[in-house]
Every structure is written in C-alpha cells, then in structure tokens.
Amino acid sequence: RILSSLDISLRNQGLEDNQYALVGYGGHNETKSPLIYTAYNQIFTSAEKLLLGFDRLQFDGPGERNMLSPLEFVLRMTVRPAISKILFTFNCNAIYDSKVYKEISVILRDNDVRMHY
C-alpha cells in the first residue's frame, strides 16, 4: 500500500513517529462532506493503525468535483507545530479546472502543505 511505502521511506530518512489522518468525502448523505475516519478512536495515528480506517471507506458515492471544501477542512485540523504536512488526494473524478488549481496552489503554499494528486 502507498501509506506503508511512504512511512518506510520517511523512517529510512530518519523521520520517526510519523502521524497520519484519513479524511473521506464525496459519498452519500453524511459522507458527502469531508469526514474524519478514526482508527482506535484517534484522529492522528501510526500508518499501521490508520490502515484500519481505509477498510471503512466507501467508494460507491456520487463523488465530488470540489476539492476546495475538503482541502479547507483538512487545513483546519490541528497538527503538531513545525512539522511538514503532506496531503495525498485520491479522487474518483478527474478535476481539470485551472481556476481551482490556482486557488488551491496558493492555499497550499500559504499553509506550507505539499499535495500529491
């Protein structure tokens, strides 16, 4: 899995005790808006424990083309100070709106976040 590979790569570079969170969006009803998936009742947890949250994700919703709302939701989450923030986005719909990308790139830069889409 990509999360396990990322965690191993970070640890090989000397970055230990990494914490991860899982946010889903674009489903039906209450899962249409961004929603935090916890693992062992923790929002931020290890890669191994977070993998359990993936099992609860549902991919049968209508999807969501608006990435700005989930991004703003993630940026409001409280994180440890002075850490690198990396955001992986997996979306069922292709998004090619240059206006949205421009706005998102400014938000990411201003919040010191790297996004992989």
N, C-alpha and C. Protein backbone atom coordinates (compact mmCIF):
# COMPACT_ATOMS: atom_id res chain seq x y z
N ARG A 1 0.83 -1.19 0.00
CA ARG A 1 0.00 0.00 0.00
C ARG A 1 0.87 1.25 0.00
N ILE A 2 0.31 2.31 -0.50
CA ILE A 2 1.06 3.56 -0.63
C ILE A 2 1.43 4.14 0.74
N LEU A 3 0.54 4.02 1.72
CA LEU A 3 0.82 4.56 3.05
C LEU A 3 1.99 3.83 3.71
N SER A 4 2.02 2.53 3.59
CA SER A 4 3.13 1.76 4.17
C SER A 4 4.44 2.13 3.51
N SER A 5 4.43 2.27 2.20
CA SER A 5 5.64 2.65 1.46
C SER A 5 6.11 4.04 1.86
N LEU A 6 5.18 4.97 2.01
CA LEU A 6 5.53 6.33 2.43
C LEU A 6 6.15 6.32 3.82
N ASP A 7 5.53 5.59 4.74
CA ASP A 7 6.04 5.56 6.11
C ASP A 7 7.44 4.95 6.17
N ILE A 8 7.67 3.88 5.44
CA ILE A 8 9.00 3.25 5.40
C ILE A 8 10.03 4.22 4.83
N SER A 9 9.65 4.92 3.77
CA SER A 9 10.55 5.89 3.15
C SER A 9 10.91 7.01 4.12
N LEU A 10 9.92 7.52 4.84
CA LEU A 10 10.19 8.58 5.82
C LEU A 10 11.09 8.10 6.94
N ARG A 11 10.83 6.88 7.43
CA ARG A 11 11.67 6.33 8.51
C ARG A 11 13.10 6.10 8.02
N ASN A 12 13.27 5.68 6.77
CA ASN A 12 14.60 5.48 6.22
C ASN A 12 15.38 6.79 6.13
N GLN A 13 14.66 7.90 6.09
CA GLN A 13 15.30 9.21 6.05
C GLN A 13 15.46 9.80 7.45
N GLY A 14 15.15 9.00 8.48
CA GLY A 14 15.32 9.45 9.86
C GLY A 14 14.12 10.15 10.45
N LEU A 15 13.00 10.16 9.76
CA LEU A 15 11.79 10.81 10.27
C LEU A 15 10.94 9.76 10.96
N GLU A 16 10.99 9.75 12.28
CA GLU A 16 10.32 8.74 13.10
C GLU A 16 9.02 9.29 13.69
N ASP A 17 8.21 8.38 14.21
CA ASP A 17 6.96 8.72 14.90
C ASP A 17 6.02 9.56 14.05
N ASN A 18 5.91 9.24 12.77
CA ASN A 18 5.02 9.96 11.88
C ASN A 18 3.56 9.64 12.21
N GLN A 19 2.73 10.66 12.10
CA GLN A 19 1.31 10.52 12.40
C GLN A 19 0.51 10.82 11.14
N TYR A 20 -0.58 10.08 10.96
CA TYR A 20 -1.40 10.19 9.76
C TYR A 20 -2.86 10.33 10.14
N ALA A 21 -3.62 10.99 9.28
CA ALA A 21 -5.07 11.11 9.45
C ALA A 21 -5.72 10.78 8.12
N LEU A 22 -6.96 10.32 8.18
CA LEU A 22 -7.71 9.93 6.99
C LEU A 22 -9.01 10.72 6.92
N VAL A 23 -9.20 11.45 5.83
CA VAL A 23 -10.42 12.22 5.62
C VAL A 23 -11.04 11.75 4.30
N GLY A 24 -12.31 11.37 4.37
CA GLY A 24 -13.03 10.97 3.17
C GLY A 24 -14.10 11.99 2.83
N TYR A 25 -14.53 12.00 1.57
CA TYR A 25 -15.59 12.92 1.14
C TYR A 25 -16.16 12.41 -0.18
N GLY A 26 -17.31 12.95 -0.54
CA GLY A 26 -17.91 12.64 -1.84
C GLY A 26 -18.81 11.44 -1.85
N GLY A 27 -19.22 10.94 -0.69
CA GLY A 27 -20.10 9.78 -0.62
C GLY A 27 -21.56 10.20 -0.61
N HIS A 28 -22.38 9.31 -0.11
CA HIS A 28 -23.81 9.58 0.02
C HIS A 28 -24.10 10.20 1.38
N ASN A 29 -25.11 11.04 1.45
CA ASN A 29 -25.64 11.62 2.69
C ASN A 29 -24.54 12.22 3.56
N GLU A 30 -24.33 11.66 4.78
CA GLU A 30 -23.39 12.27 5.72
C GLU A 30 -21.93 12.16 5.26
N THR A 31 -21.63 11.28 4.31
CA THR A 31 -20.24 11.17 3.84
C THR A 31 -19.97 12.02 2.60
N LYS A 32 -20.95 12.83 2.19
CA LYS A 32 -20.73 13.73 1.06
C LYS A 32 -19.74 14.83 1.44
N SER A 33 -19.91 15.38 2.64
CA SER A 33 -18.99 16.41 3.15
C SER A 33 -17.76 15.72 3.75
N PRO A 34 -16.66 16.45 3.88
CA PRO A 34 -15.46 15.85 4.47
C PRO A 34 -15.74 15.26 5.85
N LEU A 35 -15.15 14.11 6.10
CA LEU A 35 -15.40 13.36 7.32
C LEU A 35 -14.11 12.68 7.75
N ILE A 36 -13.78 12.80 9.04
CA ILE A 36 -12.57 12.17 9.57
C ILE A 36 -12.89 10.72 9.90
N TYR A 37 -12.03 9.82 9.44
CA TYR A 37 -12.13 8.40 9.79
C TYR A 37 -11.08 8.12 10.85
N THR A 38 -11.52 7.69 12.00
CA THR A 38 -10.59 7.43 13.10
C THR A 38 -10.13 5.98 13.10
N ALA A 39 -9.02 5.75 13.77
CA ALA A 39 -8.51 4.40 14.00
C ALA A 39 -8.17 4.30 15.48
N TYR A 40 -8.79 3.35 16.16
CA TYR A 40 -8.62 3.21 17.61
C TYR A 40 -8.99 4.51 18.32
N ASN A 41 -10.05 5.17 17.83
CA ASN A 41 -10.56 6.43 18.40
C ASN A 41 -9.55 7.57 18.36
N GLN A 42 -8.61 7.50 17.46
CA GLN A 42 -7.61 8.55 17.30
C GLN A 42 -7.72 9.15 15.91
N ILE A 43 -7.63 10.48 15.83
CA ILE A 43 -7.64 11.14 14.52
C ILE A 43 -6.28 10.95 13.87
N PHE A 44 -5.22 11.24 14.59
CA PHE A 44 -3.87 11.05 14.09
C PHE A 44 -3.30 9.79 14.74
N THR A 45 -2.73 8.92 13.93
CA THR A 45 -2.22 7.66 14.44
C THR A 45 -1.12 7.14 13.52
N SER A 46 -0.57 6.00 13.85
CA SER A 46 0.50 5.40 13.04
C SER A 46 -0.05 4.89 11.71
N ALA A 47 0.85 4.64 10.79
CA ALA A 47 0.45 4.12 9.48
C ALA A 47 -0.24 2.77 9.62
N GLU A 48 0.28 1.92 10.49
CA GLU A 48 -0.30 0.58 10.66
C GLU A 48 -1.73 0.65 11.16
N LYS A 49 -1.98 1.51 12.13
CA LYS A 49 -3.33 1.64 12.68
C LYS A 49 -4.27 2.35 11.71
N LEU A 50 -3.75 3.32 10.96
CA LEU A 50 -4.61 4.05 10.05
C LEU A 50 -5.13 3.16 8.93
N LEU A 51 -4.39 2.15 8.57
CA LEU A 51 -4.85 1.25 7.51
C LEU A 51 -6.21 0.64 7.84
N LEU A 52 -6.53 0.51 9.12
CA LEU A 52 -7.85 0.00 9.51
C LEU A 52 -8.95 0.97 9.10
N GLY A 53 -8.66 2.26 9.09
CA GLY A 53 -9.65 3.25 8.65
C GLY A 53 -9.98 3.13 7.18
N PHE A 54 -9.02 2.72 6.38
CA PHE A 54 -9.26 2.55 4.95
C PHE A 54 -10.34 1.51 4.69
N ASP A 55 -10.43 0.52 5.55
CA ASP A 55 -11.43 -0.53 5.36
C ASP A 55 -12.85 -0.01 5.48
N ARG A 56 -13.03 1.14 6.14
CA ARG A 56 -14.37 1.70 6.31
C ARG A 56 -14.74 2.70 5.22
N LEU A 57 -13.78 3.07 4.38
CA LEU A 57 -14.10 3.99 3.29
C LEU A 57 -15.05 3.33 2.29
N GLN A 58 -15.98 4.13 1.79
CA GLN A 58 -16.91 3.63 0.78
C GLN A 58 -16.66 4.39 -0.52
N PHE A 59 -16.63 3.66 -1.60
CA PHE A 59 -16.35 4.27 -2.90
C PHE A 59 -17.53 4.15 -3.84
N ASP A 60 -18.74 4.13 -3.27
CA ASP A 60 -19.92 3.98 -4.11
C ASP A 60 -20.75 5.26 -4.18
N GLY A 61 -20.21 6.37 -3.72
CA GLY A 61 -20.94 7.63 -3.73
C GLY A 61 -20.85 8.32 -5.07
N PRO A 62 -21.52 9.45 -5.19
CA PRO A 62 -21.51 10.19 -6.45
C PRO A 62 -20.18 10.87 -6.75
N GLY A 63 -19.30 10.93 -5.75
CA GLY A 63 -18.02 11.62 -5.94
C GLY A 63 -18.20 13.11 -5.74
N GLU A 64 -17.11 13.81 -5.75
CA GLU A 64 -17.14 15.25 -5.51
C GLU A 64 -16.07 15.89 -6.36
N ARG A 65 -16.47 16.84 -7.16
CA ARG A 65 -15.51 17.53 -8.01
C ARG A 65 -14.88 18.72 -7.29
N ASN A 66 -15.47 19.15 -6.20
CA ASN A 66 -14.97 20.31 -5.47
C ASN A 66 -13.91 19.87 -4.46
N MET A 67 -12.66 20.09 -4.77
CA MET A 67 -11.58 19.72 -3.84
C MET A 67 -11.30 20.82 -2.84
N LEU A 68 -11.83 22.02 -3.08
CA LEU A 68 -11.54 23.14 -2.19
C LEU A 68 -12.14 22.92 -0.80
N SER A 69 -13.35 22.44 -0.73
CA SER A 69 -14.00 22.20 0.56
C SER A 69 -13.25 21.16 1.40
N PRO A 70 -12.90 20.00 0.85
CA PRO A 70 -12.11 19.04 1.63
C PRO A 70 -10.75 19.59 2.04
N LEU A 71 -10.12 20.35 1.17
CA LEU A 71 -8.82 20.93 1.49
C LEU A 71 -8.94 21.90 2.66
N GLU A 72 -9.94 22.76 2.63
CA GLU A 72 -10.14 23.70 3.73
C GLU A 72 -10.43 22.95 5.03
N PHE A 73 -11.18 21.86 4.95
CA PHE A 73 -11.47 21.03 6.12
C PHE A 73 -10.18 20.47 6.71
N VAL A 74 -9.33 19.92 5.87
CA VAL A 74 -8.07 19.33 6.33
C VAL A 74 -7.17 20.40 6.95
N LEU A 75 -7.14 21.57 6.36
CA LEU A 75 -6.26 22.63 6.88
C LEU A 75 -6.73 23.17 8.23
N ARG A 76 -7.99 22.95 8.59
CA ARG A 76 -8.48 23.37 9.90
C ARG A 76 -8.15 22.35 11.00
N MET A 77 -7.65 21.19 10.61
CA MET A 77 -7.29 20.18 11.61
C MET A 77 -6.06 20.65 12.37
N THR A 78 -6.02 20.38 13.66
CA THR A 78 -4.90 20.77 14.50
C THR A 78 -3.77 19.77 14.32
N VAL A 79 -2.59 20.28 14.00
CA VAL A 79 -1.41 19.42 13.82
C VAL A 79 -0.30 19.90 14.74
N ARG A 80 0.69 19.05 14.92
CA ARG A 80 1.85 19.44 15.73
C ARG A 80 2.55 20.62 15.06
N PRO A 81 3.02 21.57 15.85
CA PRO A 81 3.69 22.74 15.26
C PRO A 81 5.01 22.35 14.60
N ALA A 82 5.37 23.11 13.59
CA ALA A 82 6.67 23.00 12.91
C ALA A 82 6.90 21.62 12.29
N ILE A 83 5.86 21.02 11.75
CA ILE A 83 6.03 19.74 11.06
C ILE A 83 5.70 19.92 9.59
N SER A 84 6.23 19.03 8.79
CA SER A 84 5.87 19.02 7.38
C SER A 84 4.50 18.41 7.23
N LYS A 85 3.72 18.97 6.33
CA LYS A 85 2.39 18.46 6.08
C LYS A 85 2.31 18.01 4.63
N ILE A 86 1.98 16.75 4.43
CA ILE A 86 1.86 16.19 3.09
C ILE A 86 0.44 15.69 2.94
N LEU A 87 -0.19 16.06 1.85
CA LEU A 87 -1.58 15.68 1.60
C LEU A 87 -1.65 14.84 0.34
N PHE A 88 -2.19 13.63 0.48
CA PHE A 88 -2.44 12.77 -0.67
C PHE A 88 -3.92 12.83 -0.97
N THR A 89 -4.27 13.09 -2.21
CA THR A 89 -5.67 13.18 -2.60
C THR A 89 -5.96 12.11 -3.63
N PHE A 90 -6.96 11.30 -3.32
CA PHE A 90 -7.44 10.29 -4.25
C PHE A 90 -8.88 10.64 -4.56
N ASN A 91 -9.16 10.93 -5.81
CA ASN A 91 -10.49 11.36 -6.20
C ASN A 91 -10.99 10.46 -7.32
N CYS A 92 -12.24 10.07 -7.26
CA CYS A 92 -12.81 9.21 -8.29
C CYS A 92 -13.07 9.96 -9.59
N ASN A 93 -13.15 11.27 -9.52
CA ASN A 93 -13.41 12.09 -10.71
C ASN A 93 -12.16 12.89 -11.06
N ALA A 94 -11.86 12.96 -12.34
CA ALA A 94 -10.74 13.81 -12.78
C ALA A 94 -11.15 15.27 -12.65
N ILE A 95 -10.24 16.10 -12.18
CA ILE A 95 -10.53 17.52 -12.00
C ILE A 95 -9.48 18.30 -12.76
N TYR A 96 -9.94 19.06 -13.74
CA TYR A 96 -9.01 19.82 -14.58
C TYR A 96 -9.42 21.29 -14.66
N ASP A 97 -9.85 21.86 -13.59
CA ASP A 97 -10.27 23.25 -13.57
C ASP A 97 -9.09 24.12 -13.17
N SER A 98 -8.54 24.87 -14.11
CA SER A 98 -7.33 25.65 -13.84
C SER A 98 -7.57 26.72 -12.78
N LYS A 99 -8.78 27.28 -12.68
CA LYS A 99 -9.07 28.28 -11.65
C LYS A 99 -8.97 27.65 -10.26
N VAL A 100 -9.48 26.43 -10.12
CA VAL A 100 -9.43 25.73 -8.84
C VAL A 100 -7.99 25.41 -8.48
N TYR A 101 -7.21 24.92 -9.45
CA TYR A 101 -5.81 24.60 -9.17
C TYR A 101 -5.02 25.82 -8.75
N LYS A 102 -5.29 26.94 -9.36
CA LYS A 102 -4.59 28.17 -9.00
C LYS A 102 -4.91 28.55 -7.56
N GLU A 103 -6.19 28.52 -7.19
CA GLU A 103 -6.59 28.86 -5.84
C GLU A 103 -6.02 27.86 -4.83
N ILE A 104 -6.08 26.57 -5.17
CA ILE A 104 -5.56 25.54 -4.27
C ILE A 104 -4.06 25.68 -4.10
N SER A 105 -3.33 25.99 -5.17
CA SER A 105 -1.88 26.11 -5.05
C SER A 105 -1.49 27.26 -4.12
N VAL A 106 -2.25 28.35 -4.14
CA VAL A 106 -1.98 29.47 -3.23
C VAL A 106 -2.26 29.05 -1.79
N ILE A 107 -3.37 28.36 -1.57
CA ILE A 107 -3.72 27.91 -0.21
C ILE A 107 -2.66 26.95 0.31
N LEU A 108 -2.22 26.03 -0.52
CA LEU A 108 -1.20 25.07 -0.09
C LEU A 108 0.11 25.78 0.25
N ARG A 109 0.52 26.69 -0.60
CA ARG A 109 1.76 27.43 -0.36
C ARG A 109 1.68 28.23 0.93
N ASP A 110 0.56 28.91 1.14
CA ASP A 110 0.41 29.75 2.33
C ASP A 110 0.36 28.93 3.62
N ASN A 111 -0.01 27.66 3.52
CA ASN A 111 -0.11 26.80 4.70
C ASN A 111 1.00 25.77 4.80
N ASP A 112 2.03 25.91 3.94
CA ASP A 112 3.19 25.02 3.96
C ASP A 112 2.79 23.55 3.85
N VAL A 113 1.98 23.26 2.82
CA VAL A 113 1.47 21.90 2.60
C VAL A 113 1.87 21.47 1.19
N ARG A 114 2.30 20.22 1.09
CA ARG A 114 2.56 19.60 -0.23
C ARG A 114 1.42 18.66 -0.53
N MET A 115 0.87 18.76 -1.73
CA MET A 115 -0.22 17.89 -2.10
C MET A 115 0.18 17.01 -3.29
N HIS A 116 -0.14 15.75 -3.18
CA HIS A 116 0.08 14.79 -4.27
C HIS A 116 -1.29 14.33 -4.72
N TYR A 117 -1.59 14.53 -6.01
CA TYR A 117 -2.90 14.21 -6.55
C TYR A 117 -2.78 13.14 -7.60
